[in-house]
């Protein structure tokens, strides 16, 4: 018996099961959902999808192949995540992040800290083209500064993510920027230029919201900036020379050296700095034994396991303690189960059925942009992968935009405005899970404050309905020949 195409209700059931279980976990378990409950929900939803697909005639081998394919695609992200765990541990032990916090507390003030955080993260992310690297380096330091100044970590994380994803979205060095442009068939700098129409208003509104929050009570007080600085200086050798390590990482990424070797080098430089410049810290963590074996064990543990520094100040202890690679394992587990779910949905043709239902009645420009945005968000939810939410909708809608006589830069911009920025709001998406692990703030906690990630798709949909800056394909020069008028 051949395969049957899944019905719309069949296609919705696995996603509804997943979302329902995730909401239940968040409501009853709070921050503990990443420890296994969400992973279990993804596996149960995968089993539901597999059962429906099998009923429709899809073989187990096809389902397994789909899971293996999506898991394989996620392996680079998992490797980066583990190396970021190494880097965060070595940079904390070596005094790099504590030095950044120490000097940041001399410059940043509560009255402008939140908007400054957005701007700083945006500048760094535009420069290096990576939200993940920005958050793992500058973002971690800014989170510590914000906590020392008395801000809610969830609010600070929202500001960090808003700035970092602005840069990820518009930087010519960003992989998502290049991918969205390539999928839609838009020249890279045409794509970047066209995104500015929606991205600049979005980030300005975001900065404005954080300014208003600053003056209406976002700063809770209670932070002891002087005490934090004194505490850092009492256990670390603090120096601006430590900034050379993150500067080297930024320069190498700007020069287009691949992220994995750069971050690995950054982690090793941090370990070397710990041995050379923080002997008191190493001695404290090794119990006073400074033999070669003990020093190696101490530094290695800082990169692969948890390091708890006891200073007598609970706030400072929490600030300078790290989890290393081991602290990332819950997120790795989450990514694997999310990819398994996405693979089953793809192999069972559930996503294909849902996207057809979304697009078949779209006629006006506003509806087309709304359908594109909604599909990108659906793929972020259903597949747990940012890249799939860019590539598949991009391929799916390209003919619809051509039939509507709309130039491809509207498609590439809509994809970036919707897929790139909303991925970090989904707890089981690779982006949402990773940033929650790096910052130590649950996705559900920071998501309400990641304003840029909400405003961006709203602005792009609004522009579509108001027909603002809608480029006509027929008016473009040197564009590729239009595709035949075939169904999506």
Protein backbone atom coordinates (compact mmCIF):
# COMPACT_ATOMS: atom_id res chain seq x y z
CA UNK A 1 0.00 0.00 0.00
CA UNK A 2 1.38 3.41 -0.97
CA UNK A 3 1.78 6.43 1.23
CA UNK A 4 -1.16 8.73 1.98
CA UNK A 5 -0.66 12.45 2.36
CA UNK A 6 -1.41 13.47 5.97
CA UNK A 7 -4.54 15.50 6.58
CA UNK A 8 -4.41 18.95 8.13
CA UNK A 9 -5.71 17.66 11.48
CA UNK A 10 -3.15 14.85 11.46
CA UNK A 11 -0.41 17.41 10.77
CA UNK A 12 -1.48 19.64 13.63
CA UNK A 13 -1.76 16.89 16.27
CA UNK A 14 2.01 16.31 16.91
CA UNK A 15 2.69 20.06 17.19
CA UNK A 16 -0.32 20.53 19.48
CA UNK A 17 0.89 17.66 21.69
CA UNK A 18 4.36 19.22 21.90
CA UNK A 19 3.18 22.76 22.64
CA UNK A 20 0.68 21.50 25.21
CA UNK A 21 3.31 19.46 27.05
CA UNK A 22 5.86 22.30 26.93
CA UNK A 23 3.33 24.76 28.39
CA UNK A 24 2.49 22.23 31.11
CA UNK A 25 6.18 21.82 31.93
CA UNK A 26 6.81 25.57 32.04
CA UNK A 27 3.80 26.15 34.28
CA UNK A 28 4.58 23.40 36.78
CA UNK A 29 8.37 23.01 36.58
CA UNK A 30 9.63 26.51 35.73
CA UNK A 31 13.40 26.62 35.17
CA UNK A 32 13.75 22.83 35.55
CA UNK A 33 12.12 22.11 32.18
CA UNK A 34 15.50 21.85 30.40
CA UNK A 35 16.67 19.14 32.77
CA UNK A 36 14.63 16.49 30.98
CA UNK A 37 10.94 17.39 30.88
CA UNK A 38 11.09 19.25 27.56
CA UNK A 39 13.30 16.55 26.06
CA UNK A 40 10.73 13.96 27.09
CA UNK A 41 7.94 16.08 25.58
CA UNK A 42 9.82 16.20 22.27
CA UNK A 43 10.30 12.43 22.26
CA UNK A 44 6.61 11.81 23.02
CA UNK A 45 5.55 14.25 20.29
CA UNK A 46 7.98 12.47 17.92
CA UNK A 47 6.36 9.14 18.79
CA UNK A 48 2.89 10.58 18.10
CA UNK A 49 4.06 11.93 14.73
CA UNK A 50 5.76 8.62 13.87
CA UNK A 51 2.60 6.66 14.70
CA UNK A 52 0.50 8.88 12.42
CA UNK A 53 3.11 8.71 9.64
CA UNK A 54 3.26 4.91 9.92
CA UNK A 55 -0.56 4.80 9.67
CA UNK A 56 -0.23 6.80 6.45
CA UNK A 57 2.23 4.30 4.99
CA UNK A 58 5.60 5.87 5.79
CA UNK A 59 8.13 3.16 6.65
CA UNK A 60 10.29 3.16 9.77
CA UNK A 61 13.42 3.33 7.63
CA UNK A 62 12.17 6.57 6.05
CA UNK A 63 11.41 8.05 9.46
CA UNK A 64 14.81 7.01 10.80
CA UNK A 65 16.52 8.50 7.76
CA UNK A 66 14.68 11.79 8.36
CA UNK A 67 15.79 11.87 11.99
CA UNK A 68 19.40 11.07 11.16
CA UNK A 69 19.44 13.75 8.46
CA UNK A 70 18.24 16.54 10.75
CA UNK A 71 20.43 15.44 13.67
CA UNK A 72 23.46 15.40 11.35
CA UNK A 73 22.65 18.96 10.24
CA UNK A 74 22.68 20.08 13.89
CA UNK A 75 26.13 18.67 14.71
CA UNK A 76 28.06 21.90 13.95
CA UNK A 77 25.80 23.78 16.37
CA UNK A 78 26.40 21.12 19.03
CA UNK A 79 30.17 21.34 18.57
CA UNK A 80 30.05 25.14 18.88
CA UNK A 81 27.90 24.81 21.99
CA UNK A 82 30.40 22.49 23.69
CA UNK A 83 33.31 24.76 22.79
CA UNK A 84 31.41 27.76 24.16
CA UNK A 85 31.13 25.81 27.42
CA UNK A 86 34.92 25.39 27.39
CA UNK A 87 35.42 29.05 26.57
CA UNK A 88 33.10 30.34 29.29
CA UNK A 89 34.86 28.19 31.89
CA UNK A 90 38.39 29.18 30.90
CA UNK A 91 37.51 32.85 30.50
CA UNK A 92 35.95 32.95 33.94
CA UNK A 93 38.86 31.14 35.60
CA UNK A 94 41.47 33.26 33.82
CA UNK A 95 39.88 36.57 34.86
CA UNK A 96 38.87 37.64 31.33
CA UNK A 97 35.14 37.88 32.03
CA UNK A 98 35.65 39.18 35.61
CA UNK A 99 37.93 41.92 34.19
CA UNK A 100 35.26 42.84 31.65
CA UNK A 101 32.71 43.06 34.48
CA UNK A 102 35.10 45.04 36.70
CA UNK A 103 35.85 47.71 34.10
CA UNK A 104 32.29 47.68 32.81
CA UNK A 105 31.07 48.67 36.26
CA UNK A 106 33.32 51.74 36.02
CA UNK A 107 31.67 52.85 32.78
CA UNK A 108 28.07 51.65 32.71
CA UNK A 109 25.44 53.23 34.96
CA UNK A 110 21.89 52.06 35.80
CA UNK A 111 20.29 55.08 34.11
CA UNK A 112 21.49 54.02 30.65
CA UNK A 113 22.61 50.42 31.12
CA UNK A 114 19.78 48.64 29.25
CA UNK A 115 19.83 50.72 26.02
CA UNK A 116 23.64 50.69 26.12
CA UNK A 117 23.54 46.89 26.34
CA UNK A 118 21.42 46.71 23.18
CA UNK A 119 23.77 49.06 21.32
CA UNK A 120 26.98 47.33 22.47
CA UNK A 121 25.73 43.87 21.55
CA UNK A 122 24.47 45.18 18.20
CA UNK A 123 27.87 46.71 17.36
CA UNK A 124 29.77 43.57 18.27
CA UNK A 125 27.33 41.29 16.47
CA UNK A 126 27.42 43.39 13.29
CA UNK A 127 31.23 43.32 13.46
CA UNK A 128 31.57 39.55 13.83
CA UNK A 129 28.31 38.38 12.27
CA UNK A 130 27.41 35.97 15.06
CA UNK A 131 24.80 36.33 17.79
CA UNK A 132 26.08 33.17 19.51
CA UNK A 133 29.66 34.44 19.81
CA UNK A 134 28.45 37.88 20.91
CA UNK A 135 26.27 36.45 23.66
CA UNK A 136 28.94 33.97 24.81
CA UNK A 137 31.55 36.72 25.22
CA UNK A 138 30.27 40.29 25.63
CA UNK A 139 26.79 39.12 26.62
CA UNK A 140 27.99 37.05 29.57
CA UNK A 141 29.99 40.03 30.89
CA UNK A 142 27.04 42.40 30.45
CA UNK A 143 24.76 39.99 32.29
CA UNK A 144 27.17 40.04 35.24
CA UNK A 145 27.35 43.84 35.15
CA UNK A 146 23.55 44.07 35.05
CA UNK A 147 23.17 41.79 38.04
CA UNK A 148 25.77 43.83 39.96
CA UNK A 149 23.81 47.00 39.16
CA UNK A 150 20.59 45.45 40.46
CA UNK A 151 18.77 44.54 37.24
CA UNK A 152 16.63 41.44 36.77
CA UNK A 153 18.77 38.95 34.78
CA UNK A 154 15.79 38.18 32.52
CA UNK A 155 15.51 41.85 31.51
CA UNK A 156 19.26 42.11 30.87
CA UNK A 157 19.18 38.89 28.84
CA UNK A 158 16.36 40.35 26.73
CA UNK A 159 18.47 43.44 25.99
CA UNK A 160 21.53 41.31 25.16
CA UNK A 161 19.56 39.08 22.79
CA UNK A 162 17.83 42.04 21.13
CA UNK A 163 21.18 43.65 20.28
CA UNK A 164 22.90 40.41 19.31
CA UNK A 165 20.14 39.33 16.93
CA UNK A 166 20.05 42.77 15.31
CA UNK A 167 23.65 42.20 14.24
CA UNK A 168 23.05 38.57 13.30
CA UNK A 169 20.22 39.73 11.06
CA UNK A 170 21.98 42.53 9.13
CA UNK A 171 25.70 41.74 9.19
CA UNK A 172 27.13 40.70 5.80
CA UNK A 173 29.32 38.30 7.80
CA UNK A 174 26.32 36.48 9.29
CA UNK A 175 25.51 33.00 8.02
CA UNK A 176 21.75 33.63 8.28
CA UNK A 177 22.06 36.86 6.29
CA UNK A 178 23.91 35.08 3.51
CA UNK A 179 21.59 32.07 3.64
CA UNK A 180 18.36 34.10 3.41
CA UNK A 181 19.73 36.11 0.49
CA UNK A 182 20.89 32.98 -1.35
CA UNK A 183 17.63 31.06 -0.85
CA UNK A 184 15.53 33.95 -2.17
CA UNK A 185 17.94 34.78 -5.00
CA UNK A 186 18.76 38.27 -3.75
CA UNK A 187 22.23 39.85 -4.09
CA UNK A 188 23.73 40.04 -0.59
CA UNK A 189 24.10 43.81 -0.29
CA UNK A 190 20.70 44.42 -1.89
CA UNK A 191 19.29 42.18 0.83
CA UNK A 192 21.18 44.00 3.61
CA UNK A 193 20.17 47.43 2.29
CA UNK A 194 16.51 46.44 1.95
CA UNK A 195 16.41 45.02 5.48
CA UNK A 196 17.30 48.43 6.91
CA UNK A 197 13.77 49.69 6.13
CA UNK A 198 12.33 47.39 8.79
CA UNK A 199 15.33 46.62 10.99
CA UNK A 200 16.28 50.20 11.91
CA UNK A 201 12.73 51.11 13.11
CA UNK A 202 12.61 47.80 15.01
CA UNK A 203 15.87 48.37 16.89
CA UNK A 204 15.03 52.04 17.58
CA UNK A 205 11.69 51.00 19.08
CA UNK A 206 13.50 48.36 21.13
CA UNK A 207 16.00 50.90 22.48
CA UNK A 208 13.12 53.27 23.23
CA UNK A 209 11.30 50.59 25.23
CA UNK A 210 14.40 49.87 27.30
CA UNK A 211 14.88 53.59 27.93
CA UNK A 212 11.29 53.81 29.20
CA UNK A 213 11.80 50.69 31.33
CA UNK A 214 14.94 52.20 32.86
CA UNK A 215 12.98 55.23 34.07
CA UNK A 216 9.91 53.30 35.18
CA UNK A 217 11.36 50.75 37.57
CA UNK A 218 13.31 48.11 35.60
CA UNK A 219 16.25 48.84 37.91
CA UNK A 220 15.20 47.01 41.04
CA UNK A 221 18.14 48.17 43.13
CA UNK A 222 19.83 45.93 45.61
CA UNK A 223 22.92 45.49 43.48
CA UNK A 224 26.22 46.16 45.20
CA UNK A 225 28.48 47.30 42.35
CA UNK A 226 31.26 48.45 44.68
CA UNK A 227 31.13 45.20 46.63
CA UNK A 228 31.21 43.15 43.43
CA UNK A 229 34.23 45.11 42.16
CA UNK A 230 36.05 44.70 45.48
CA UNK A 231 35.20 41.01 45.54
CA UNK A 232 36.50 40.47 42.01
CA UNK A 233 39.72 42.34 42.80
CA UNK A 234 40.21 40.26 45.94
CA UNK A 235 40.26 36.89 44.13
CA UNK A 236 41.42 37.81 40.60
CA UNK A 237 44.30 39.68 39.10
CA UNK A 238 42.34 42.26 37.07
CA UNK A 239 43.90 43.92 34.03
CA UNK A 240 42.76 45.51 30.74
CA UNK A 241 45.40 43.32 29.05
CA UNK A 242 42.95 40.42 29.37
CA UNK A 243 40.82 42.16 26.74
CA UNK A 244 43.37 41.06 24.14
CA UNK A 245 41.95 37.54 24.17
CA UNK A 246 38.34 38.47 23.23
CA UNK A 247 39.76 41.08 20.84
CA UNK A 248 41.74 38.35 19.09
CA UNK A 249 38.58 36.24 18.81
CA UNK A 250 36.63 39.15 17.31
CA UNK A 251 39.41 39.98 14.82
CA UNK A 252 39.69 36.37 13.62
CA UNK A 253 35.94 36.05 13.15
CA UNK A 254 35.83 39.37 11.26
CA UNK A 255 38.56 37.98 9.01
CA UNK A 256 36.19 35.07 8.24
CA UNK A 257 38.12 32.38 10.10
CA UNK A 258 35.55 29.63 10.89
CA UNK A 259 33.87 29.94 14.29
CA UNK A 260 34.77 26.50 15.65
CA UNK A 261 38.59 26.84 15.50
CA UNK A 262 38.40 30.49 16.63
CA UNK A 263 36.30 29.72 19.71
CA UNK A 264 38.49 26.69 20.50
CA UNK A 265 41.59 28.88 20.29
CA UNK A 266 39.87 31.42 22.55
CA UNK A 267 39.19 28.70 25.13
CA UNK A 268 42.85 27.55 25.05
CA UNK A 269 44.10 31.13 25.39
CA UNK A 270 41.84 31.52 28.40
CA UNK A 271 43.29 28.38 29.98
CA UNK A 272 46.82 29.62 29.33
CA UNK A 273 45.96 33.00 30.88
CA UNK A 274 44.60 31.23 33.97
CA UNK A 275 47.87 29.35 34.50
CA UNK A 276 50.07 32.39 33.83
CA UNK A 277 48.15 35.21 35.50
CA UNK A 278 45.79 33.67 38.08
CA UNK A 279 48.03 31.40 40.20
CA UNK A 280 46.11 32.28 43.38
CA UNK A 281 42.82 31.22 41.77
CA UNK A 282 44.33 27.98 40.45
CA UNK A 283 45.86 27.29 43.86
CA UNK A 284 42.53 27.87 45.60
CA UNK A 285 40.67 25.55 43.21
CA UNK A 286 43.37 22.85 43.40
CA UNK A 287 43.50 22.89 47.21
CA UNK A 288 46.93 24.48 47.34
CA UNK A 289 48.60 21.79 45.23
CA UNK A 290 50.52 23.50 42.40
CA UNK A 291 52.08 20.40 40.90
CA UNK A 292 51.79 20.04 37.13
CA UNK A 293 49.17 17.30 37.47
CA UNK A 294 47.06 19.32 39.91
CA UNK A 295 47.22 22.48 37.78
CA UNK A 296 46.22 20.54 34.67
CA UNK A 297 43.36 18.88 36.51
CA UNK A 298 42.15 22.25 37.79
CA UNK A 299 42.30 24.00 34.41
CA UNK A 300 40.76 21.03 32.59
CA UNK A 301 37.91 20.87 35.11
CA UNK A 302 37.28 24.55 34.48
CA UNK A 303 36.67 23.78 30.81
CA UNK A 304 34.77 20.50 31.04
CA UNK A 305 33.03 20.67 34.42
CA UNK A 306 31.62 22.97 37.04
CA UNK A 307 33.80 25.40 38.97
CA UNK A 308 32.42 26.86 42.19
CA UNK A 309 34.40 29.78 43.59
CA UNK A 310 33.68 30.47 47.26
CA UNK A 311 34.23 34.10 48.27
CA UNK A 312 31.76 34.50 51.11
CA UNK A 313 29.56 36.76 48.95
CA UNK A 314 26.67 34.67 47.57
CA UNK A 315 26.01 37.08 44.67
CA UNK A 316 29.66 37.07 43.62
CA UNK A 317 29.91 33.29 44.03
CA UNK A 318 27.02 32.85 41.59
CA UNK A 319 28.51 35.39 39.20
CA UNK A 320 31.92 33.70 38.83
CA UNK A 321 30.85 30.05 38.94
CA UNK A 322 30.63 28.16 35.65
CA UNK A 323 29.48 24.82 34.29
CA UNK A 324 31.94 24.27 31.42
CA UNK A 325 31.05 21.73 28.74
CA UNK A 326 29.05 19.68 31.25
CA UNK A 327 26.77 22.68 31.78
CA UNK A 328 25.81 22.49 28.10
CA UNK A 329 24.78 18.83 28.08
CA UNK A 330 21.10 19.48 28.87
CA UNK A 331 21.00 21.77 25.85
CA UNK A 332 22.75 19.20 23.65
CA UNK A 333 20.16 16.64 24.72
CA UNK A 334 17.39 19.12 23.93
CA UNK A 335 18.81 19.87 20.46
CA UNK A 336 19.05 16.15 19.63
CA UNK A 337 15.43 15.47 20.61
CA UNK A 338 14.23 18.62 18.81
CA UNK A 339 16.01 17.51 15.64
CA UNK A 340 14.46 14.08 16.00
CA UNK A 341 10.99 15.67 16.14
CA UNK A 342 11.73 17.87 13.12
CA UNK A 343 13.05 14.89 11.18
CA UNK A 344 9.87 12.87 11.79
CA UNK A 345 7.68 15.81 10.75
CA UNK A 346 9.65 16.25 7.55
CA UNK A 347 9.79 12.54 6.67
CA UNK A 348 6.07 12.18 7.38
CA UNK A 349 5.25 15.17 5.09
CA UNK A 350 3.45 16.98 7.91
CA UNK A 351 5.29 20.25 7.29
CA UNK A 352 4.57 20.08 3.56
CA UNK A 353 0.84 19.70 4.29
CA UNK A 354 0.78 22.57 6.78
CA UNK A 355 2.60 24.97 4.49
CA UNK A 356 0.28 24.16 1.60
CA UNK A 357 -2.71 24.94 3.80
CA UNK A 358 -1.14 28.27 4.72
CA UNK A 359 -0.30 29.37 1.16
CA UNK A 360 -3.13 28.12 -1.02
CA UNK A 361 -5.50 31.05 -0.32
CA UNK A 362 -2.91 33.83 -0.28
CA UNK A 363 -3.58 36.51 -2.90
CA UNK A 364 -2.63 40.00 -1.64
CA UNK A 365 0.86 41.26 -0.78
CA UNK A 366 0.02 41.65 2.91
CA UNK A 367 -1.32 38.13 3.03
CA UNK A 368 1.75 36.77 1.26
CA UNK A 369 4.11 38.49 3.72
CA UNK A 370 1.98 37.35 6.66
CA UNK A 371 1.93 33.78 5.35
CA UNK A 372 5.71 33.83 4.88
CA UNK A 373 6.28 35.15 8.42
CA UNK A 374 3.85 32.68 9.93
CA UNK A 375 5.44 29.77 8.07
CA UNK A 376 8.93 30.76 9.24
CA UNK A 377 7.70 30.88 12.84
CA UNK A 378 5.90 27.57 12.39
CA UNK A 379 9.13 25.94 11.20
CA UNK A 380 11.02 27.42 14.16
CA UNK A 381 8.46 25.79 16.45
CA UNK A 382 8.06 22.51 14.58
CA UNK A 383 11.64 21.76 13.53
CA UNK A 384 13.57 23.46 16.34
CA UNK A 385 16.12 24.68 13.81
CA UNK A 386 16.76 28.22 12.56
CA UNK A 387 18.27 27.11 9.26
CA UNK A 388 15.31 24.93 8.29
CA UNK A 389 12.98 27.84 9.03
CA UNK A 390 14.98 29.93 6.53
CA UNK A 391 15.62 27.40 3.77
CA UNK A 392 12.28 25.60 3.48
CA UNK A 393 9.96 28.66 3.50
CA UNK A 394 12.40 30.42 1.17
CA UNK A 395 12.16 27.60 -1.38
CA UNK A 396 8.43 27.28 -0.84
CA UNK A 397 7.47 30.92 -1.43
CA UNK A 398 9.88 31.98 -4.19
CA UNK A 399 7.41 31.20 -7.00
CA UNK A 400 4.53 32.86 -5.14
CA UNK A 401 6.49 36.12 -4.98
CA UNK A 402 7.41 35.89 -8.67
CA UNK A 403 3.80 35.26 -9.69
CA UNK A 404 2.83 38.35 -7.67
CA UNK A 405 5.49 40.41 -9.53
CA UNK A 406 7.39 41.04 -6.28
CA UNK A 407 11.19 41.28 -6.29
CA UNK A 408 13.05 38.62 -4.24
CA UNK A 409 14.44 41.07 -1.67
CA UNK A 410 11.00 41.28 -0.06
CA UNK A 411 11.06 37.50 0.42
CA UNK A 412 14.61 37.47 1.81
CA UNK A 413 13.80 40.38 4.15
CA UNK A 414 10.61 38.74 5.39
CA UNK A 415 12.47 35.50 6.10
CA UNK A 416 15.14 37.33 8.11
CA UNK A 417 12.55 39.45 9.95
CA UNK A 418 10.68 36.31 10.99
CA UNK A 419 12.86 33.19 11.01
CA UNK A 420 16.18 34.54 12.28
CA UNK A 421 14.86 36.58 15.19
CA UNK A 422 12.05 34.34 16.49
CA UNK A 423 14.23 31.22 16.75
CA UNK A 424 15.66 32.45 20.05
CA UNK A 425 12.15 32.69 21.58
CA UNK A 426 11.45 28.94 21.27
CA UNK A 427 12.73 26.94 24.28
CA UNK A 428 13.42 23.78 22.24
CA UNK A 429 14.87 25.58 19.22
CA UNK A 430 18.66 25.32 18.94
CA UNK A 431 18.95 29.09 19.36
CA UNK A 432 16.58 29.41 22.32
CA UNK A 433 18.09 26.45 24.12
CA UNK A 434 21.66 27.61 23.50
CA UNK A 435 21.19 31.18 24.70
CA UNK A 436 19.36 29.97 27.81
CA UNK A 437 22.35 27.75 28.63
CA UNK A 438 24.97 30.40 27.90
CA UNK A 439 23.26 33.12 29.94
CA UNK A 440 21.81 30.87 32.63
CA UNK A 441 18.37 32.44 32.10
CA UNK A 442 15.45 30.29 30.95
CA UNK A 443 14.04 31.04 27.51
CA UNK A 444 10.57 31.59 28.98
CA UNK A 445 12.07 34.12 31.42
CA UNK A 446 13.96 36.30 28.92
CA UNK A 447 11.54 35.93 25.98
CA UNK A 448 9.08 38.65 27.16
CA UNK A 449 11.95 41.16 27.19
CA UNK A 450 13.56 40.28 23.83
CA UNK A 451 11.54 43.09 22.26
CA UNK A 452 13.46 43.26 18.99
CA UNK A 453 12.50 39.67 18.25
CA UNK A 454 8.79 40.55 18.47
CA UNK A 455 8.87 43.96 16.85
CA UNK A 456 10.79 42.81 13.78
CA UNK A 457 8.13 40.42 12.35
CA UNK A 458 5.33 42.84 13.33
CA UNK A 459 7.00 45.67 11.38
CA UNK A 460 7.57 43.52 8.31
CA UNK A 461 3.94 42.31 8.29
CA UNK A 462 2.70 45.88 8.78
CA UNK A 463 4.84 47.06 5.85
CA UNK A 464 3.33 44.30 3.73
CA UNK A 465 -0.28 45.27 4.42
CA UNK A 466 0.44 48.99 4.01
CA UNK A 467 2.45 48.23 0.85
CA UNK A 468 5.46 50.18 2.08
CA UNK A 469 8.65 49.59 0.09
CA UNK A 470 7.26 46.74 -2.01
CA UNK A 471 9.72 46.29 -4.92
CA UNK A 472 8.28 45.13 -8.24
CA UNK A 473 10.06 42.34 -10.06
CA UNK A 474 9.14 43.86 -13.42
CA UNK A 475 10.91 47.08 -12.44
CA UNK A 476 14.15 45.38 -11.43
CA UNK A 477 17.13 45.31 -13.78
CA UNK A 478 19.46 42.37 -14.31
CA UNK A 479 17.18 40.02 -12.39
CA UNK A 480 17.05 36.29 -13.21
CA UNK A 481 14.36 35.05 -15.57
CA UNK A 482 11.04 34.38 -13.84
CA UNK A 483 10.20 30.82 -12.98
CA UNK A 484 7.27 29.11 -14.69
CA UNK A 485 3.86 29.57 -13.13
CA UNK A 486 3.64 26.26 -11.31
CA UNK A 487 1.83 25.50 -8.03
CA UNK A 488 3.72 25.99 -4.79
